């Protein structure tokens, strides 16, 4: 089995009622800075939203 040097960073965000879209948009803009500024080791990021629209997680791989 080959070992992986990847690091997975998981953030859980709890938004104020009705503010999840705003939170996700702000964080998505910040992710562009990761890409544009060449954050060392950054591979990708993904967003997942809860069905009740008050939480989201971001999974980032370095």
N, C-alpha and C. Protein backbone atom coordinates (compact mmCIF):
# COMPACT_ATOMS: atom_id res chain seq x y z
N UNK A 1 0.83 -1.18 0.00
CA UNK A 1 0.00 0.00 0.00
C UNK A 1 0.88 1.25 0.00
N UNK A 2 0.60 2.15 -0.92
CA UNK A 2 1.37 3.38 -1.03
C UNK A 2 0.86 4.41 -0.02
N UNK A 3 1.75 5.05 0.70
CA UNK A 3 1.31 6.06 1.66
C UNK A 3 1.07 7.38 0.93
N UNK A 4 0.16 8.16 1.48
CA UNK A 4 -0.19 9.44 0.90
C UNK A 4 0.37 10.55 1.78
N UNK A 5 0.87 11.57 1.14
CA UNK A 5 1.37 12.73 1.87
C UNK A 5 0.33 13.84 1.94
N UNK A 6 -0.88 13.55 1.51
CA UNK A 6 -1.95 14.55 1.51
C UNK A 6 -2.43 14.85 2.92
N UNK A 7 -2.83 16.08 3.11
CA UNK A 7 -3.47 16.50 4.36
C UNK A 7 -4.86 16.98 3.99
N UNK A 8 -5.86 16.54 4.74
CA UNK A 8 -7.24 16.96 4.52
C UNK A 8 -7.65 17.83 5.69
N UNK A 9 -8.09 19.02 5.39
CA UNK A 9 -8.47 20.01 6.39
C UNK A 9 -9.98 20.19 6.27
N UNK A 10 -10.71 19.94 7.35
CA UNK A 10 -12.17 20.02 7.35
C UNK A 10 -12.62 21.12 8.28
N UNK A 11 -13.38 22.07 7.73
CA UNK A 11 -13.94 23.17 8.51
C UNK A 11 -15.45 23.04 8.53
N UNK A 12 -16.04 23.21 9.70
CA UNK A 12 -17.49 23.20 9.83
C UNK A 12 -17.92 24.64 10.15
N UNK A 13 -18.85 25.14 9.36
CA UNK A 13 -19.35 26.50 9.52
C UNK A 13 -20.82 26.45 9.91
N UNK A 14 -21.19 27.18 10.95
CA UNK A 14 -22.58 27.32 11.34
C UNK A 14 -22.96 28.78 11.11
N UNK A 15 -23.90 28.97 10.21
CA UNK A 15 -24.30 30.33 9.84
C UNK A 15 -25.45 30.83 10.71
N UNK A 16 -25.52 32.13 10.82
CA UNK A 16 -26.70 32.74 11.44
C UNK A 16 -27.89 32.43 10.53
N UNK A 17 -29.09 32.38 11.09
CA UNK A 17 -30.27 32.07 10.27
C UNK A 17 -30.36 32.96 9.03
N UNK A 18 -30.52 32.33 7.88
CA UNK A 18 -30.66 33.05 6.61
C UNK A 18 -29.37 33.58 6.02
N UNK A 19 -28.22 33.27 6.62
CA UNK A 19 -26.94 33.84 6.18
C UNK A 19 -25.99 32.82 5.56
N UNK A 20 -26.44 31.58 5.35
CA UNK A 20 -25.53 30.56 4.83
C UNK A 20 -25.01 30.92 3.44
N UNK A 21 -25.86 31.40 2.55
CA UNK A 21 -25.40 31.76 1.21
C UNK A 21 -24.33 32.84 1.27
N UNK A 22 -24.53 33.84 2.11
CA UNK A 22 -23.54 34.91 2.26
C UNK A 22 -22.22 34.35 2.77
N UNK A 23 -22.28 33.50 3.77
CA UNK A 23 -21.08 32.89 4.33
C UNK A 23 -20.33 32.07 3.28
N UNK A 24 -21.05 31.25 2.55
CA UNK A 24 -20.42 30.42 1.52
C UNK A 24 -19.80 31.29 0.44
N UNK A 25 -20.48 32.36 0.02
CA UNK A 25 -19.93 33.25 -1.00
C UNK A 25 -18.64 33.92 -0.55
N UNK A 26 -18.61 34.38 0.69
CA UNK A 26 -17.39 35.02 1.22
C UNK A 26 -16.25 34.01 1.26
N UNK A 27 -16.53 32.82 1.75
CA UNK A 27 -15.48 31.81 1.84
C UNK A 27 -15.01 31.36 0.45
N UNK A 28 -15.93 31.28 -0.51
CA UNK A 28 -15.55 30.90 -1.87
C UNK A 28 -14.62 31.95 -2.48
N UNK A 29 -14.85 33.22 -2.20
CA UNK A 29 -13.95 34.27 -2.67
C UNK A 29 -12.56 34.11 -2.06
N UNK A 30 -12.52 33.76 -0.79
CA UNK A 30 -11.22 33.55 -0.13
C UNK A 30 -10.48 32.35 -0.74
N UNK A 31 -11.23 31.34 -1.15
CA UNK A 31 -10.58 30.19 -1.79
C UNK A 31 -9.90 30.59 -3.08
N UNK A 32 -10.44 31.57 -3.78
CA UNK A 32 -9.78 32.07 -4.99
C UNK A 32 -8.41 32.64 -4.66
N UNK A 33 -8.29 33.24 -3.48
CA UNK A 33 -6.97 33.74 -3.05
C UNK A 33 -5.99 32.60 -2.87
N UNK A 34 -6.46 31.46 -2.37
CA UNK A 34 -5.58 30.29 -2.24
C UNK A 34 -5.03 29.94 -3.61
N UNK A 35 -5.91 29.88 -4.59
CA UNK A 35 -5.52 29.49 -5.94
C UNK A 35 -4.63 30.56 -6.58
N UNK A 36 -5.08 31.81 -6.53
CA UNK A 36 -4.37 32.90 -7.20
C UNK A 36 -3.02 33.21 -6.57
N UNK A 37 -2.91 33.05 -5.25
CA UNK A 37 -1.66 33.37 -4.57
C UNK A 37 -0.75 32.17 -4.40
N UNK A 38 -1.15 31.05 -4.96
CA UNK A 38 -0.29 29.87 -4.92
C UNK A 38 0.03 29.38 -3.52
N UNK A 39 -0.99 29.20 -2.69
CA UNK A 39 -0.76 28.67 -1.35
C UNK A 39 -0.04 27.33 -1.48
N UNK A 40 1.12 27.20 -0.86
CA UNK A 40 1.91 25.98 -1.02
C UNK A 40 1.14 24.71 -0.66
N UNK A 41 1.11 23.78 -1.59
CA UNK A 41 0.51 22.49 -1.35
C UNK A 41 -0.99 22.39 -1.56
N UNK A 42 -1.66 23.53 -1.79
CA UNK A 42 -3.11 23.50 -1.97
C UNK A 42 -3.45 22.72 -3.22
N UNK A 43 -4.35 21.75 -3.09
CA UNK A 43 -4.78 20.93 -4.22
C UNK A 43 -6.20 21.28 -4.62
N UNK A 44 -7.13 21.24 -3.66
CA UNK A 44 -8.52 21.52 -3.99
C UNK A 44 -9.33 21.80 -2.73
N UNK A 45 -10.52 22.35 -2.94
CA UNK A 45 -11.47 22.57 -1.86
C UNK A 45 -12.86 22.25 -2.38
N UNK A 46 -13.69 21.72 -1.50
CA UNK A 46 -15.08 21.39 -1.84
C UNK A 46 -15.99 21.85 -0.72
N UNK A 47 -17.19 22.30 -1.11
CA UNK A 47 -18.20 22.72 -0.15
C UNK A 47 -19.33 21.71 -0.12
N UNK A 48 -19.86 21.48 1.06
CA UNK A 48 -21.05 20.64 1.23
C UNK A 48 -21.97 21.37 2.20
N UNK A 49 -23.25 21.46 1.83
CA UNK A 49 -24.24 22.17 2.65
C UNK A 49 -25.15 21.18 3.35
N UNK A 50 -25.62 21.54 4.54
CA UNK A 50 -26.61 20.72 5.22
C UNK A 50 -27.98 20.95 4.57
N UNK A 51 -28.85 19.97 4.69
CA UNK A 51 -30.18 20.10 4.08
C UNK A 51 -31.04 21.15 4.78
N UNK A 52 -30.70 21.48 6.03
CA UNK A 52 -31.48 22.50 6.74
C UNK A 52 -30.92 23.91 6.51
N UNK A 53 -29.88 24.01 5.70
CA UNK A 53 -29.29 25.31 5.29
C UNK A 53 -28.79 26.19 6.43
N UNK A 54 -28.28 25.55 7.50
CA UNK A 54 -27.66 26.37 8.52
C UNK A 54 -26.20 25.98 8.78
N UNK A 55 -25.75 24.92 8.14
CA UNK A 55 -24.35 24.50 8.29
C UNK A 55 -23.76 24.14 6.93
N UNK A 56 -22.46 24.30 6.85
CA UNK A 56 -21.72 23.88 5.66
C UNK A 56 -20.36 23.37 6.12
N UNK A 57 -19.81 22.48 5.34
CA UNK A 57 -18.43 22.06 5.61
C UNK A 57 -17.61 22.33 4.37
N UNK A 58 -16.36 22.66 4.60
CA UNK A 58 -15.42 22.84 3.50
C UNK A 58 -14.31 21.82 3.72
N UNK A 59 -14.05 21.04 2.70
CA UNK A 59 -12.99 20.05 2.75
C UNK A 59 -11.89 20.50 1.80
N UNK A 60 -10.71 20.76 2.35
CA UNK A 60 -9.59 21.22 1.57
C UNK A 60 -8.48 20.20 1.64
N UNK A 61 -7.87 19.95 0.50
CA UNK A 61 -6.78 18.98 0.43
C UNK A 61 -5.49 19.73 0.09
N UNK A 62 -4.46 19.44 0.88
CA UNK A 62 -3.11 19.97 0.66
C UNK A 62 -2.18 18.81 0.39
